[in-house]
C-alpha cells in the first residue's frame, strides 16, 4: 500500500495517512479505536488538546507493543482552559506518556494569542527544546500564513485544513500558497460528501468512478485528496473501513476522474446544506 512519507521542510517524514481522534471523546472508546487503527496498519495518530483524549491515545499506543519510533504522533495547541502553550505541551506529553511528539500544531488562528508572531516564537522554542520534532499550524488561511512567515525563523512544516471536493475551490489558494512555500497540506473531513453531504452533484460521479475501480466512494475521496498532494486524516469505528482507507493508497485516479470530481464539487453541496454546517467553522 503506497502511502509514502511526505518529506517536511525540516527533513522529517510524515506518513501519508493518519487516523484522527476528533469526536471520540474520553474513556474506552478512543482507546479501543486507536488500538484498532494501529492493529489495522495505521502508524500516524492525530489528536489535540481540545479533544481531551490524549491520555487515552497514549494508553492505546503504549499497549500496542509498537516502538515509539514506529508511531508518528500529532497533537495540537488549542488554548483549552486558557493554558499557555508551554504548560499545554508539557501536559500533552504527560498525557500521551511520551517525551516528544512528532508534530505539534497551532489548532486554529484564534489560539494564537496575543498574536501569530508571538505564539510562533513559542512554537519554535518548543521544537528547539525537543518537545516536538516538527511544528506547524491548522486552519490557517493565506493571510495568516503570510503573517507567520514574515517573522518566522522556522517555517511551518504543515497546515492541516478542511478539504473535500465541495470546498476545493474555496481552499485552493491555501493549497497553492502551501506548495509555493514547501508547506505540506493535511486534509481532514475528506469523507463529508458521503457521510454528511449526500444528495448533491458529487453523488453520481463518485458512484460511477467507484464502480470503474471496483472500490467504495469513500476510497475514491481519499484517493482524490491524495492526488492533491495532501496527507489524509480520517477515521472509522469499523476495521474493514480502516483497511479500505489504507488500500486506497493504491488507487491512482486519472486526470479525467479528478477533473470530474473537481467540477462536480465546484457546483456546491446539496441545497439542504446551503447554510454553513458546523464542520465548516474550521475549529475541529
C-alpha atoms as a PDB file:
ATOM      1  CA  UNK A   1       0.000   0.000   0.000  1.00  0.00           C
ATOM      2  CA  UNK A   2       1.935   3.044  -1.224  1.00  0.00           C
ATOM      3  CA  UNK A   3       1.172   5.581   1.495  1.00  0.00           C
ATOM      4  CA  UNK A   4       4.637   7.045   1.314  1.00  0.00           C
ATOM      5  CA  UNK A   5       6.028   9.563   3.761  1.00  0.00           C
ATOM      6  CA  UNK A   6       5.887  13.208   2.770  1.00  0.00           C
ATOM      7  CA  UNK A   7       9.170  14.986   3.322  1.00  0.00           C
ATOM      8  CA  UNK A   8       8.875  18.045   5.565  1.00  0.00           C
ATOM      9  CA  UNK A   9      10.991  21.189   5.409  1.00  0.00           C
ATOM     10  CA  UNK A  10      12.988  20.113   8.463  1.00  0.00           C
ATOM     11  CA  UNK A  11      13.908  16.791   6.874  1.00  0.00           C
ATOM     12  CA  UNK A  12      11.427  14.702   8.879  1.00  0.00           C
ATOM     13  CA  UNK A  13       8.934  12.432   7.138  1.00  0.00           C
ATOM     14  CA  UNK A  14       5.204  12.357   7.821  1.00  0.00           C
ATOM     15  CA  UNK A  15       3.063   9.308   6.931  1.00  0.00           C
ATOM     16  CA  UNK A  16       0.616   9.972   4.110  1.00  0.00           C
ATOM     17  CA  UNK A  17      -2.462   8.871   6.063  1.00  0.00           C
ATOM     18  CA  UNK A  18      -3.454   9.325   9.706  1.00  0.00           C
ATOM     19  CA  UNK A  19      -6.273   8.196  11.943  1.00  0.00           C
ATOM     20  CA  UNK A  20      -7.972  11.129  13.640  1.00  0.00           C
ATOM     21  CA  UNK A  21      -9.473  11.129  17.132  1.00  0.00           C
ATOM     22  CA  UNK A  22     -11.850  14.085  16.854  1.00  0.00           C
ATOM     23  CA  UNK A  23     -15.295  13.278  18.307  1.00  0.00           C
ATOM     24  CA  UNK A  24     -14.015  10.112  20.016  1.00  0.00           C
ATOM     25  CA  UNK A  25     -14.191  11.760  23.430  1.00  0.00           C
ATOM     26  CA  UNK A  26     -12.752  10.095  26.523  1.00  0.00           C
ATOM     27  CA  UNK A  27     -12.848   6.640  28.073  1.00  0.00           C
ATOM     28  CA  UNK A  28     -12.705   3.224  26.463  1.00  0.00           C
ATOM     29  CA  UNK A  29     -13.924   4.326  23.019  1.00  0.00           C
ATOM     30  CA  UNK A  30     -10.787   6.216  21.920  1.00  0.00           C
ATOM     31  CA  UNK A  31      -8.546   3.538  23.450  1.00  0.00           C
ATOM     32  CA  UNK A  32     -10.308   0.811  21.501  1.00  0.00           C
ATOM     33  CA  UNK A  33     -10.499   2.728  18.235  1.00  0.00           C
ATOM     34  CA  UNK A  34      -6.882   3.886  18.276  1.00  0.00           C
ATOM     35  CA  UNK A  35      -5.825   0.332  19.151  1.00  0.00           C
ATOM     36  CA  UNK A  36      -7.898  -0.959  16.232  1.00  0.00           C
ATOM     37  CA  UNK A  37      -6.352   1.542  13.831  1.00  0.00           C
ATOM     38  CA  UNK A  38      -2.843   0.601  14.898  1.00  0.00           C
ATOM     39  CA  UNK A  39      -3.675  -3.082  14.512  1.00  0.00           C
ATOM     40  CA  UNK A  40      -5.061  -2.372  11.025  1.00  0.00           C
ATOM     41  CA  UNK A  41      -1.763  -0.812   9.970  1.00  0.00           C
ATOM     42  CA  UNK A  42      -2.017   2.929  10.686  1.00  0.00           C
ATOM     43  CA  UNK A  43       1.180   4.458  12.045  1.00  0.00           C
ATOM     44  CA  UNK A  44       0.083   8.102  12.352  1.00  0.00           C
ATOM     45  CA  UNK A  45      -2.268   9.173  15.161  1.00  0.00           C
ATOM     46  CA  UNK A  46      -3.780  12.678  15.215  1.00  0.00           C
ATOM     47  CA  UNK A  47      -5.175  14.179  18.420  1.00  0.00           C
ATOM     48  CA  UNK A  48      -5.414  17.586  20.102  1.00  0.00           C
ATOM     49  CA  UNK A  49      -5.583  19.289  23.455  1.00  0.00           C
ATOM     50  CA  UNK A  50      -9.190  20.233  22.622  1.00  0.00           C
ATOM     51  CA  UNK A  51     -10.264  16.618  22.092  1.00  0.00           C
ATOM     52  CA  UNK A  52      -9.411  15.779  25.721  1.00  0.00           C
ATOM     53  CA  UNK A  53      -8.393  12.226  24.832  1.00  0.00           C
ATOM     54  CA  UNK A  54      -4.599  12.451  24.766  1.00  0.00           C
ATOM     55  CA  UNK A  55      -4.405  10.153  27.815  1.00  0.00           C
ATOM     56  CA  UNK A  56      -6.469   7.507  26.030  1.00  0.00           C
ATOM     57  CA  UNK A  57      -4.376   7.848  22.885  1.00  0.00           C
ATOM     58  CA  UNK A  58      -1.262   7.346  24.987  1.00  0.00           C
ATOM     59  CA  UNK A  59      -2.684   4.210  26.586  1.00  0.00           C
ATOM     60  CA  UNK A  60      -3.541   2.707  23.189  1.00  0.00           C
ATOM     61  CA  UNK A  61      -0.071   3.481  21.855  1.00  0.00           C
ATOM     62  CA  UNK A  62       1.632   2.029  24.933  1.00  0.00           C
ATOM     63  CA  UNK A  63      -0.471  -1.121  24.835  1.00  0.00           C
ATOM     64  CA  UNK A  64       0.061  -1.633  21.095  1.00  0.00           C
ATOM     65  CA  UNK A  65       3.522  -3.074  21.637  1.00  0.00           C
ATOM     66  CA  UNK A  66       4.881  -0.869  18.849  1.00  0.00           C
ATOM     67  CA  UNK A  67       8.120   1.021  19.333  1.00  0.00           C
ATOM     68  CA  UNK A  68       7.832   4.773  19.851  1.00  0.00           C
ATOM     69  CA  UNK A  69       9.813   5.451  16.687  1.00  0.00           C
ATOM     70  CA  UNK A  70       7.320   3.380  14.676  1.00  0.00           C
ATOM     71  CA  UNK A  71       4.394   5.685  15.511  1.00  0.00           C
ATOM     72  CA  UNK A  72       4.001   9.283  14.328  1.00  0.00           C
ATOM     73  CA  UNK A  73       2.079  11.323  16.920  1.00  0.00           C
ATOM     74  CA  UNK A  74       0.429  14.650  16.146  1.00  0.00           C
ATOM     75  CA  UNK A  75      -1.238  16.826  18.759  1.00  0.00           C
ATOM     76  CA  UNK A  76      -2.342  20.441  18.788  1.00  0.00           C
ATOM     77  CA  UNK A  77      -2.288  23.527  20.982  1.00  0.00           C
ATOM     78  CA  UNK A  78      -5.931  24.595  21.318  1.00  0.00           C
ATOM     79  CA  UNK A  79      -5.534  27.048  24.223  1.00  0.00           C
ATOM     80  CA  UNK A  80      -8.017  24.906  26.136  1.00  0.00           C
ATOM     81  CA  UNK A  81      -8.859  26.275  29.604  1.00  0.00           C
ATOM     82  CA  UNK A  82      -6.731  29.334  28.794  1.00  0.00           C
ATOM     83  CA  UNK A  83      -3.499  27.421  29.384  1.00  0.00           C
ATOM     84  CA  UNK A  84      -0.322  28.912  27.962  1.00  0.00           C
ATOM     85  CA  UNK A  85       1.471  26.968  25.265  1.00  0.00           C
ATOM     86  CA  UNK A  86       4.451  25.865  27.362  1.00  0.00           C
ATOM     87  CA  UNK A  87       2.146  24.380  30.005  1.00  0.00           C
ATOM     88  CA  UNK A  88      -0.006  22.835  27.304  1.00  0.00           C
ATOM     89  CA  UNK A  89       2.793  20.986  25.507  1.00  0.00           C
ATOM     90  CA  UNK A  90       4.131  19.633  28.796  1.00  0.00           C
ATOM     91  CA  UNK A  91       0.648  18.458  29.752  1.00  0.00           C
ATOM     92  CA  UNK A  92       0.216  16.822  26.346  1.00  0.00           C
ATOM     93  CA  UNK A  93       3.489  14.941  26.699  1.00  0.00           C
ATOM     94  CA  UNK A  94       2.472  13.758  30.164  1.00  0.00           C
ATOM     95  CA  UNK A  95      -0.974  12.653  28.993  1.00  0.00           C
ATOM     96  CA  UNK A  96       0.432  10.867  25.933  1.00  0.00           C
ATOM     97  CA  UNK A  97       3.196   9.356  28.103  1.00  0.00           C
ATOM     98  CA  UNK A  98       5.935  10.298  25.630  1.00  0.00           C
ATOM     99  CA  UNK A  99       8.996  12.521  25.731  1.00  0.00           C
ATOM    100  CA  UNK A 100       8.223  14.241  22.430  1.00  0.00           C
ATOM    101  CA  UNK A 101       5.555  14.477  19.748  1.00  0.00           C
ATOM    102  CA  UNK A 102       6.413  14.181  16.089  1.00  0.00           C
ATOM    103  CA  UNK A 103       4.231  17.117  15.077  1.00  0.00           C
ATOM    104  CA  UNK A 104       2.793  19.968  17.151  1.00  0.00           C
ATOM    105  CA  UNK A 105       0.244  22.298  15.573  1.00  0.00           C
ATOM    106  CA  UNK A 106      -1.450  25.562  16.492  1.00  0.00           C
ATOM    107  CA  UNK A 107      -5.001  24.234  16.274  1.00  0.00           C
ATOM    108  CA  UNK A 108      -6.607  27.369  14.828  1.00  0.00           C
ATOM    109  CA  UNK A 109      -5.686  31.053  14.478  1.00  0.00           C
ATOM    110  CA  UNK A 110      -7.761  32.172  17.476  1.00  0.00           C
ATOM    111  CA  UNK A 111      -5.456  30.092  19.693  1.00  0.00           C
ATOM    112  CA  UNK A 112      -2.539  32.282  18.544  1.00  0.00           C
ATOM    113  CA  UNK A 113      -2.694  34.843  21.335  1.00  0.00           C
ATOM    114  CA  UNK A 114      -1.613  37.560  21.787  1.00  0.00           C
ATOM    115  CA  UNK A 115      -0.727  37.335  18.095  1.00  0.00           C
ATOM    116  CA  UNK A 116       0.622  34.926  15.493  1.00  0.00           C
ATOM    117  CA  UNK A 117       4.304  36.035  15.579  1.00  0.00           C
ATOM    118  CA  UNK A 118       4.463  35.794  19.378  1.00  0.00           C
ATOM    119  CA  UNK A 119       2.914  32.338  19.616  1.00  0.00           C
ATOM    120  CA  UNK A 120       5.004  31.079  16.695  1.00  0.00           C
ATOM    121  CA  UNK A 121       8.178  32.118  18.522  1.00  0.00           C
ATOM    122  CA  UNK A 122       6.975  29.907  21.391  1.00  0.00           C
ATOM    123  CA  UNK A 123       6.435  27.069  18.916  1.00  0.00           C
ATOM    124  CA  UNK A 124       9.989  27.473  17.631  1.00  0.00           C
ATOM    125  CA  UNK A 125      11.251  27.223  21.205  1.00  0.00           C
ATOM    126  CA  UNK A 126       9.240  24.034  21.737  1.00  0.00           C
ATOM    127  CA  UNK A 127      10.910  22.498  18.701  1.00  0.00           C
ATOM    128  CA  UNK A 128      14.350  23.719  19.735  1.00  0.00           C
ATOM    129  CA  UNK A 129      13.890  22.106  23.169  1.00  0.00           C
ATOM    130  CA  UNK A 130      12.999  18.772  21.563  1.00  0.00           C
ATOM    131  CA  UNK A 131       9.435  18.542  22.848  1.00  0.00           C
ATOM    132  CA  UNK A 132       8.198  18.499  19.251  1.00  0.00           C
ATOM    133  CA  UNK A 133      10.237  17.279  16.318  1.00  0.00           C
ATOM    134  CA  UNK A 134       8.233  19.327  13.838  1.00  0.00           C
ATOM    135  CA  UNK A 135       5.868  22.296  14.179  1.00  0.00           C
ATOM    136  CA  UNK A 136       3.043  23.590  12.048  1.00  0.00           C
ATOM    137  CA  UNK A 137      -0.436  25.084  12.008  1.00  0.00           C
ATOM    138  CA  UNK A 138      -4.038  24.106  11.361  1.00  0.00           C
ATOM    139  CA  UNK A 139      -6.906  26.046   9.776  1.00  0.00           C
ATOM    140  CA  UNK A 140      -4.671  28.957   8.730  1.00  0.00           C
ATOM    141  CA  UNK A 141      -5.617  30.898   5.595  1.00  0.00           C
ATOM    142  CA  UNK A 142      -3.185  32.580   3.211  1.00  0.00           C
ATOM    143  CA  UNK A 143      -3.141  35.915   5.026  1.00  0.00           C
ATOM    144  CA  UNK A 144      -2.443  34.235   8.366  1.00  0.00           C
ATOM    145  CA  UNK A 145       0.344  32.168   6.827  1.00  0.00           C
ATOM    146  CA  UNK A 146       1.861  35.338   5.373  1.00  0.00           C
ATOM    147  CA  UNK A 147       1.833  36.989   8.797  1.00  0.00           C
ATOM    148  CA  UNK A 148       3.539  33.939  10.294  1.00  0.00           C
ATOM    149  CA  UNK A 149       6.199  33.665   7.592  1.00  0.00           C
ATOM    150  CA  UNK A 150       7.084  37.352   7.818  1.00  0.00           C
ATOM    151  CA  UNK A 151       8.709  36.852  11.222  1.00  0.00           C
ATOM    152  CA  UNK A 152       9.343  33.106  11.376  1.00  0.00           C
ATOM    153  CA  UNK A 153      12.797  31.690  11.970  1.00  0.00           C
ATOM    154  CA  UNK A 154      11.424  28.195  11.266  1.00  0.00           C
ATOM    155  CA  UNK A 155       8.746  27.790   8.604  1.00  0.00           C
ATOM    156  CA  UNK A 156       5.614  25.813   9.481  1.00  0.00           C
ATOM    157  CA  UNK A 157       6.031  22.353   8.021  1.00  0.00           C
ATOM    158  CA  UNK A 158       2.301  21.579   7.863  1.00  0.00           C
ATOM    159  CA  UNK A 159      -1.086  23.267   7.562  1.00  0.00           C
ATOM    160  CA  UNK A 160      -3.997  20.963   8.417  1.00  0.00           C
ATOM    161  CA  UNK A 161      -7.221  22.146   6.741  1.00  0.00           C
ATOM    162  CA  UNK A 162     -10.728  21.110   5.789  1.00  0.00           C
ATOM    163  CA  UNK A 163     -10.561  19.592   2.311  1.00  0.00           C
ATOM    164  CA  UNK A 164     -13.054  17.746   0.123  1.00  0.00           C
ATOM    165  CA  UNK A 165     -14.399  18.440  -3.379  1.00  0.00           C
ATOM    166  CA  UNK A 166     -17.189  20.770  -2.214  1.00  0.00           C
ATOM    167  CA  UNK A 167     -14.662  23.156  -0.612  1.00  0.00           C
ATOM    168  CA  UNK A 168     -11.757  22.614  -3.005  1.00  0.00           C
ATOM    169  CA  UNK A 169     -12.240  25.894  -4.896  1.00  0.00           C
ATOM    170  CA  UNK A 170     -12.525  27.758  -1.593  1.00  0.00           C
ATOM    171  CA  UNK A 171      -9.369  26.140  -0.246  1.00  0.00           C
ATOM    172  CA  UNK A 172      -7.337  26.150  -3.463  1.00  0.00           C
ATOM    173  CA  UNK A 173      -5.462  29.419  -2.670  1.00  0.00           C
ATOM    174  CA  UNK A 174      -4.219  27.804   0.554  1.00  0.00           C
ATOM    175  CA  UNK A 175      -3.038  24.708  -1.327  1.00  0.00           C
ATOM    176  CA  UNK A 176      -1.241  26.844  -3.914  1.00  0.00           C
ATOM    177  CA  UNK A 177       0.401  29.040  -1.285  1.00  0.00           C
ATOM    178  CA  UNK A 178       1.498  25.963   0.671  1.00  0.00           C
ATOM    179  CA  UNK A 179       3.008  24.380  -2.445  1.00  0.00           C
ATOM    180  CA  UNK A 180       4.975  27.566  -3.159  1.00  0.00           C
ATOM    181  CA  UNK A 181       6.396  27.585   0.370  1.00  0.00           C
ATOM    182  CA  UNK A 182       7.019  23.836   0.811  1.00  0.00           C
ATOM    183  CA  UNK A 183       4.279  23.509   3.431  1.00  0.00           C
ATOM    184  CA  UNK A 184       2.613  20.090   3.477  1.00  0.00           C
ATOM    185  CA  UNK A 185      -1.189  20.146   3.493  1.00  0.00           C
ATOM    186  CA  UNK A 186      -3.057  17.751   5.751  1.00  0.00           C
ATOM    187  CA  UNK A 187      -6.704  17.186   4.793  1.00  0.00           C
ATOM    188  CA  UNK A 188      -9.432  16.489   7.327  1.00  0.00           C
ATOM    189  CA  UNK A 189     -13.140  15.731   6.762  1.00  0.00           C
ATOM    190  CA  UNK A 190     -12.351  14.360   3.302  1.00  0.00           C
ATOM    191  CA  UNK A 191     -15.319  11.974   3.513  1.00  0.00           C
ATOM    192  CA  UNK A 192     -18.030  14.564   4.277  1.00  0.00           C
ATOM    193  CA  UNK A 193     -19.533  14.325   0.767  1.00  0.00           C
ATOM    194  CA  UNK A 194     -20.621  10.755   1.570  1.00  0.00           C
ATOM    195  CA  UNK A 195     -21.144  10.991   5.340  1.00  0.00           C
ATOM    196  CA  UNK A 196     -22.977  14.326   5.680  1.00  0.00           C
ATOM    197  CA  UNK A 197     -23.477  15.937   2.275  1.00  0.00           C
ATOM    198  CA  UNK A 198     -25.085  13.210   0.190  1.00  0.00           C
ATOM    199  CA  UNK A 199     -27.716  14.068  -2.390  1.00  0.00           C
ATOM    200  CA  UNK A 200     -25.568  16.590  -4.224  1.00  0.00           C
ATOM    201  CA  UNK A 201     -23.689  16.906  -7.530  1.00  0.00           C
ATOM    202  CA  UNK A 202     -20.875  14.621  -6.365  1.00  0.00           C
ATOM    203  CA  UNK A 203     -23.064  11.568  -5.824  1.00  0.00           C
ATOM    204  CA  UNK A 204     -23.231  10.392  -9.426  1.00  0.00           C
ATOM    205  CA  UNK A 205     -19.585  10.846 -10.419  1.00  0.00           C
ATOM    206  CA  UNK A 206     -18.442   9.283  -7.148  1.00  0.00           C
ATOM    207  CA  UNK A 207     -20.635   6.243  -7.785  1.00  0.00           C
ATOM    208  CA  UNK A 208     -19.516   5.865 -11.382  1.00  0.00           C
ATOM    209  CA  UNK A 209     -15.814   6.304 -10.638  1.00  0.00           C
ATOM    210  CA  UNK A 210     -16.037   3.915  -7.671  1.00  0.00           C
ATOM    211  CA  UNK A 211     -17.706   1.338  -9.923  1.00  0.00           C
ATOM    212  CA  UNK A 212     -14.978   1.829 -12.520  1.00  0.00           C
ATOM    213  CA  UNK A 213     -12.265   0.989  -9.967  1.00  0.00           C
ATOM    214  CA  UNK A 214     -14.366  -1.596  -8.071  1.00  0.00           C
ATOM    215  CA  UNK A 215     -13.977   0.255  -4.766  1.00  0.00           C
ATOM    216  CA  UNK A 216     -16.178   2.312  -2.413  1.00  0.00           C
ATOM    217  CA  UNK A 217     -16.940   6.018  -2.817  1.00  0.00           C
ATOM    218  CA  UNK A 218     -15.051   6.833   0.374  1.00  0.00           C
ATOM    219  CA  UNK A 219     -11.899   5.269  -1.086  1.00  0.00           C
ATOM    220  CA  UNK A 220     -12.317   7.468  -4.163  1.00  0.00           C
ATOM    221  CA  UNK A 221     -12.492  10.587  -1.991  1.00  0.00           C
ATOM    222  CA  UNK A 222      -9.361   9.544  -0.129  1.00  0.00           C
ATOM    223  CA  UNK A 223      -7.564   8.903  -3.431  1.00  0.00           C
ATOM    224  CA  UNK A 224      -8.784  12.322  -4.629  1.00  0.00           C
ATOM    225  CA  UNK A 225      -7.258  14.046  -1.579  1.00  0.00           C
ATOM    226  CA  UNK A 226      -4.037  12.124  -2.116  1.00  0.00           C
ATOM    227  CA  UNK A 227      -3.995  13.337  -5.733  1.00  0.00           C
ATOM    228  CA  UNK A 228      -3.951  16.907  -4.390  1.00  0.00           C
ATOM    229  CA  UNK A 229      -0.730  16.114  -2.537  1.00  0.00           C
ATOM    230  CA  UNK A 230      -2.375  16.061   0.874  1.00  0.00           C
ATOM    231  CA  UNK A 231      -1.792  13.883   3.903  1.00  0.00           C
ATOM    232  CA  UNK A 232      -5.214  12.408   4.712  1.00  0.00           C
ATOM    233  CA  UNK A 233      -6.608  12.453   8.266  1.00  0.00           C
ATOM    234  CA  UNK A 234      -9.620  10.163   8.577  1.00  0.00           C
ATOM    235  CA  UNK A 235     -11.292   7.723  10.941  1.00  0.00           C
ATOM    236  CA  UNK A 236     -13.865   4.965  11.287  1.00  0.00           C
ATOM    237  CA  UNK A 237     -15.195   2.704  14.013  1.00  0.00           C
ATOM    238  CA  UNK A 238     -15.081  -0.238  11.602  1.00  0.00           C
ATOM    239  CA  UNK A 239     -11.815  -2.048  10.960  1.00  0.00           C
ATOM    240  CA  UNK A 240     -12.816  -3.087   7.431  1.00  0.00           C
ATOM    241  CA  UNK A 241     -13.274   0.581   6.528  1.00  0.00           C
ATOM    242  CA  UNK A 242      -9.895   1.493   8.006  1.00  0.00           C
ATOM    243  CA  UNK A 243      -8.297  -1.272   5.962  1.00  0.00           C
ATOM    244  CA  UNK A 244     -10.107   0.079   2.903  1.00  0.00           C
ATOM    245  CA  UNK A 245      -8.688   3.543   3.545  1.00  0.00           C
ATOM    246  CA  UNK A 246      -5.209   2.045   3.637  1.00  0.00           C
ATOM    247  CA  UNK A 247      -5.862   0.195   0.369  1.00  0.00           C
ATOM    248  CA  UNK A 248      -6.942   3.498  -1.184  1.00  0.00           C
ATOM    249  CA  UNK A 249      -3.256   4.344  -1.248  1.00  0.00           C
ATOM    250  CA  UNK A 250      -3.033   2.001  -4.228  1.00  0.00           C
ATOM    251  CA  UNK A 251      -5.616   3.973  -6.205  1.00  0.00           C
ATOM    252  CA  UNK A 252      -4.328   6.313  -8.895  1.00  0.00           C
ATOM    253  CA  UNK A 253      -7.199   8.326 -10.332  1.00  0.00           C
ATOM    254  CA  UNK A 254      -6.979   9.513 -13.918  1.00  0.00           C
ATOM    255  CA  UNK A 255      -6.771  13.224 -14.672  1.00  0.00           C
ATOM    256  CA  UNK A 256     -10.250  12.922 -16.142  1.00  0.00           C
ATOM    257  CA  UNK A 257     -11.589  11.413 -12.901  1.00  0.00           C
ATOM    258  CA  UNK A 258     -10.021  14.164 -10.807  1.00  0.00           C
ATOM    259  CA  UNK A 259     -11.301  16.912 -13.099  1.00  0.00           C
ATOM    260  CA  UNK A 260     -14.793  15.438 -12.991  1.00  0.00           C
ATOM    261  CA  UNK A 261     -14.815  15.404  -9.186  1.00  0.00           C
ATOM    262  CA  UNK A 262     -13.440  18.944  -9.071  1.00  0.00           C
ATOM    263  CA  UNK A 263     -16.155  20.173 -11.438  1.00  0.00           C
ATOM    264  CA  UNK A 264     -18.947  18.440  -9.511  1.00  0.00           C
ATOM    265  CA  UNK A 265     -17.632  19.791  -6.229  1.00  0.00           C
ATOM    266  CA  UNK A 266     -17.498  23.318  -7.628  1.00  0.00           C
ATOM    267  CA  UNK A 267     -21.291  23.193  -8.060  1.00  0.00           C
ATOM    268  CA  UNK A 268     -21.603  23.191  -4.295  1.00  0.00           C
ATOM    269  CA  UNK A 269     -23.247  20.865  -1.761  1.00  0.00           C
ATOM    270  CA  UNK A 270     -26.929  19.881  -1.971  1.00  0.00           C
ATOM    271  CA  UNK A 271     -29.490  22.651  -1.270  1.00  0.00           C
ATOM    272  CA  UNK A 272     -30.311  21.227   2.141  1.00  0.00           C
ATOM    273  CA  UNK A 273     -26.727  22.083   3.090  1.00  0.00           C
ATOM    274  CA  UNK A 274     -26.894  25.656   1.825  1.00  0.00           C
ATOM    275  CA  UNK A 275     -26.281  27.125   5.258  1.00  0.00           C
ATOM    276  CA  UNK A 276     -22.791  26.652   6.596  1.00  0.00           C
ATOM    277  CA  UNK A 277     -22.637  23.381   8.576  1.00  0.00           C
ATOM    278  CA  UNK A 278     -20.795  23.161  11.862  1.00  0.00           C
ATOM    279  CA  UNK A 279     -17.865  21.341  10.253  1.00  0.00           C
ATOM    280  CA  UNK A 280     -17.089  24.415   8.125  1.00  0.00           C
ATOM    281  CA  UNK A 281     -16.381  26.528  11.203  1.00  0.00           C
ATOM    282  CA  UNK A 282     -12.775  25.424  10.875  1.00  0.00           C
ATOM    283  CA  UNK A 283     -12.381  24.648  14.560  1.00  0.00           C
ATOM    284  CA  UNK A 284     -12.143  20.868  14.627  1.00  0.00           C
END
